[in-house]
C-alpha atoms as a PDB file:
ATOM      1  CA  MET A   1      16.056 -29.713  13.506  1.00  0.00           C
ATOM      2  CA  PRO A   2      18.212 -31.211  12.012  1.00  0.00           C
ATOM      3  CA  HIS A   3      17.127 -34.845  11.875  1.00  0.00           C
ATOM      4  CA  LEU A   4      19.766 -37.580  11.544  1.00  0.00           C
ATOM      5  CA  ARG A   5      18.690 -41.094  10.564  1.00  0.00           C
ATOM      6  CA  PHE A   6      21.113 -43.977  11.020  1.00  0.00           C
ATOM      7  CA  ARG A   7      21.066 -47.296   9.140  1.00  0.00           C
ATOM      8  CA  GLY A   8      23.641 -50.070   8.960  1.00  0.00           C
ATOM      9  CA  LEU A   9      24.754 -49.517  12.552  1.00  0.00           C
ATOM     10  CA  SER A  10      23.831 -51.128  15.834  1.00  0.00           C
ATOM     11  CA  ARG A  11      21.543 -49.367  18.271  1.00  0.00           C
ATOM     12  CA  ASP A  12      24.408 -49.348  20.791  1.00  0.00           C
ATOM     13  CA  THR A  13      26.730 -47.603  18.344  1.00  0.00           C
ATOM     14  CA  VAL A  14      24.153 -44.900  17.644  1.00  0.00           C
ATOM     15  CA  LYS A  15      23.632 -44.438  21.386  1.00  0.00           C
ATOM     16  CA  GLN A  16      27.392 -44.217  21.998  1.00  0.00           C
ATOM     17  CA  ILE A  17      28.007 -41.603  19.307  1.00  0.00           C
ATOM     18  CA  SER A  18      24.880 -39.539  19.972  1.00  0.00           C
ATOM     19  CA  LYS A  19      26.323 -37.140  22.555  1.00  0.00           C
ATOM     20  CA  PRO A  20      29.758 -36.517  21.003  1.00  0.00           C
ATOM     21  CA  LEU A  21      28.199 -36.199  17.561  1.00  0.00           C
ATOM     22  CA  VAL A  22      25.599 -33.628  18.580  1.00  0.00           C
ATOM     23  CA  ASP A  23      28.160 -31.759  20.722  1.00  0.00           C
ATOM     24  CA  THR A  24      30.399 -31.524  17.641  1.00  0.00           C
ATOM     25  CA  LEU A  25      27.712 -30.658  15.085  1.00  0.00           C
ATOM     26  CA  SER A  26      25.784 -28.102  17.108  1.00  0.00           C
ATOM     27  CA  PRO A  27      28.290 -25.229  16.745  1.00  0.00           C
ATOM     28  CA  LEU A  28      29.043 -26.143  13.111  1.00  0.00           C
ATOM     29  CA  ILE A  29      25.379 -26.004  12.147  1.00  0.00           C
ATOM     30  CA  GLY A  30      24.326 -23.238  14.507  1.00  0.00           C
ATOM     31  CA  SER A  31      21.549 -25.330  16.046  1.00  0.00           C
ATOM     32  CA  PRO A  32      21.038 -25.758  19.794  1.00  0.00           C
ATOM     33  CA  LEU A  33      21.749 -29.227  21.187  1.00  0.00           C
ATOM     34  CA  ASP A  34      18.090 -29.860  21.963  1.00  0.00           C
ATOM     35  CA  HIS A  35      17.020 -29.177  18.365  1.00  0.00           C
ATOM     36  CA  PHE A  36      18.686 -32.357  17.062  1.00  0.00           C
ATOM     37  CA  THR A  37      16.708 -35.529  16.470  1.00  0.00           C
ATOM     38  CA  LEU A  38      18.629 -38.794  16.069  1.00  0.00           C
ATOM     39  CA  GLU A  39      16.790 -41.844  14.799  1.00  0.00           C
ATOM     40  CA  PHE A  40      18.047 -45.426  14.765  1.00  0.00           C
ATOM     41  CA  ILE A  41      16.515 -47.415  11.895  1.00  0.00           C
ATOM     42  CA  PRO A  42      17.231 -51.167  11.834  1.00  0.00           C
ATOM     43  CA  ALA A  43      17.954 -52.268   8.273  1.00  0.00           C
ATOM     44  CA  GLU A  44      18.798 -55.362   6.289  1.00  0.00           C
ATOM     45  CA  PHE A  45      20.760 -55.060   3.088  1.00  0.00           C
ATOM     46  CA  VAL A  46      19.948 -57.363   0.165  1.00  0.00           C
ATOM     47  CA  ALA A  47      21.854 -58.104  -3.035  1.00  0.00           C
ATOM     48  CA  LYS A  48      21.286 -60.830  -5.624  1.00  0.00           C
ATOM     49  CA  GLY A  49      18.562 -62.444  -3.546  1.00  0.00           C
ATOM     50  CA  GLN A  50      20.704 -62.698  -0.418  1.00  0.00           C
ATOM     51  CA  VAL A  51      20.974 -60.750   2.818  1.00  0.00           C
ATOM     52  CA  VAL A  52      24.416 -59.123   2.804  1.00  0.00           C
ATOM     53  CA  SER A  53      26.385 -57.047   5.244  1.00  0.00           C
ATOM     54  CA  GLY A  54      25.702 -53.374   4.792  1.00  0.00           C
ATOM     55  CA  TYR A  55      27.518 -50.207   5.639  1.00  0.00           C
ATOM     56  CA  PRO A  56      26.625 -47.142   7.694  1.00  0.00           C
ATOM     57  CA  ILE A  57      24.250 -44.725   6.020  1.00  0.00           C
ATOM     58  CA  VAL A  58      23.447 -41.439   7.716  1.00  0.00           C
ATOM     59  CA  GLU A  59      20.686 -39.249   6.329  1.00  0.00           C
ATOM     60  CA  VAL A  60      20.762 -35.609   7.397  1.00  0.00           C
ATOM     61  CA  LEU A  61      17.476 -33.798   6.895  1.00  0.00           C
ATOM     62  CA  TRP A  62      17.900 -30.075   7.487  1.00  0.00           C
ATOM     63  CA  PHE A  63      17.339 -26.532   6.313  1.00  0.00           C
ATOM     64  CA  GLU A  64      20.071 -25.967   3.755  1.00  0.00           C
ATOM     65  CA  ARG A  65      23.437 -24.624   4.882  1.00  0.00           C
ATOM     66  CA  PRO A  66      26.369 -23.444   2.738  1.00  0.00           C
ATOM     67  CA  LEU A  67      28.360 -26.201   1.031  1.00  0.00           C
ATOM     68  CA  GLU A  68      31.405 -25.605   3.238  1.00  0.00           C
ATOM     69  CA  VAL A  69      29.247 -26.250   6.330  1.00  0.00           C
ATOM     70  CA  GLN A  70      27.777 -29.358   4.717  1.00  0.00           C
ATOM     71  CA  ASP A  71      31.296 -30.592   3.896  1.00  0.00           C
ATOM     72  CA  LYS A  72      32.397 -30.098   7.518  1.00  0.00           C
ATOM     73  CA  VAL A  73      29.308 -31.866   8.856  1.00  0.00           C
ATOM     74  CA  ALA A  74      29.883 -34.838   6.527  1.00  0.00           C
ATOM     75  CA  ALA A  75      33.546 -34.983   7.579  1.00  0.00           C
ATOM     76  CA  GLU A  76      32.674 -34.923  11.290  1.00  0.00           C
ATOM     77  CA  ILE A  77      29.991 -37.603  10.956  1.00  0.00           C
ATOM     78  CA  THR A  78      32.420 -39.767   8.989  1.00  0.00           C
ATOM     79  CA  ALA A  79      35.256 -39.258  11.494  1.00  0.00           C
ATOM     80  CA  ILE A  80      33.099 -40.125  14.499  1.00  0.00           C
ATOM     81  CA  LEU A  81      31.746 -43.231  12.779  1.00  0.00           C
ATOM     82  CA  ARG A  82      35.162 -44.199  11.415  1.00  0.00           C
ATOM     83  CA  ALA A  83      36.443 -44.530  14.989  1.00  0.00           C
ATOM     84  CA  ARG A  84      33.692 -47.118  15.620  1.00  0.00           C
ATOM     85  CA  VAL A  85      33.498 -49.077  12.370  1.00  0.00           C
ATOM     86  CA  GLY A  86      37.115 -49.066  11.181  1.00  0.00           C
ATOM     87  CA  ALA A  87      39.171 -47.520   8.421  1.00  0.00           C
ATOM     88  CA  GLU A  88      38.142 -49.938   5.660  1.00  0.00           C
ATOM     89  CA  GLN A  89      34.355 -49.544   6.057  1.00  0.00           C
ATOM     90  CA  ASP A  90      32.474 -47.348   3.579  1.00  0.00           C
ATOM     91  CA  ILE A  91      30.367 -44.642   5.248  1.00  0.00           C
ATOM     92  CA  CYS A  92      27.636 -42.829   3.356  1.00  0.00           C
ATOM     93  CA  VAL A  93      26.242 -39.431   4.421  1.00  0.00           C
ATOM     94  CA  ILE A  94      23.227 -38.104   2.496  1.00  0.00           C
ATOM     95  CA  PHE A  95      21.828 -34.588   2.881  1.00  0.00           C
ATOM     96  CA  THR A  96      18.206 -33.753   2.177  1.00  0.00           C
ATOM     97  CA  LYS A  97      17.243 -30.099   2.076  1.00  0.00           C
ATOM     98  CA  LEU A  98      13.979 -29.228   3.780  1.00  0.00           C
ATOM     99  CA  GLU A  99      12.000 -26.125   2.912  1.00  0.00           C
ATOM    100  CA  GLY A 100      10.664 -24.071   5.811  1.00  0.00           C
ATOM    101  CA  ARG A 101       7.200 -23.725   4.309  1.00  0.00           C
ATOM    102  CA  GLN A 102       6.972 -27.527   3.977  1.00  0.00           C
ATOM    103  CA  TYR A 103       8.227 -28.278   7.502  1.00  0.00           C
ATOM    104  CA  TYR A 104       5.612 -28.043  10.236  1.00  0.00           C
ATOM    105  CA  GLU A 105       6.135 -28.218  13.963  1.00  0.00           C
ATOM    106  CA  ASN A 106       3.036 -28.166  16.156  1.00  0.00           C
ATOM    107  CA  GLY A 107       0.931 -27.121  13.165  1.00  0.00           C
ATOM    108  CA  SER A 108       3.040 -24.141  12.101  1.00  0.00           C
ATOM    109  CA  HIS A 109       5.514 -24.012   9.245  1.00  0.00           C
ATOM    110  CA  PHE A 110       8.907 -22.328   9.314  1.00  0.00           C
ATOM    111  CA  GLY A 111       8.736 -20.219   6.170  1.00  0.00           C
END
């Protein structure tokens, strides 16, 4: 925990950012390095009946943190991606709050 899902990026880009990203986020979030899950999800973007170029979307599924922590996490994700995709590219970071009693690991919930 937390889980980060990446769309609109290449597999190689996700692999390249995985270590520096987790190394940066771990102390901000207060989660050990080995508690992070990063998932690469290939995606095609479609508009008006045509396949179009997309933009990076990062979903962060986690147990809620204070807004100032969330802001810092979004800024760090954006900065690390910005170095790879360029200054003009939109980058979207979406946070989804998970509830401990609805999150099970090995059959046991967290709340």
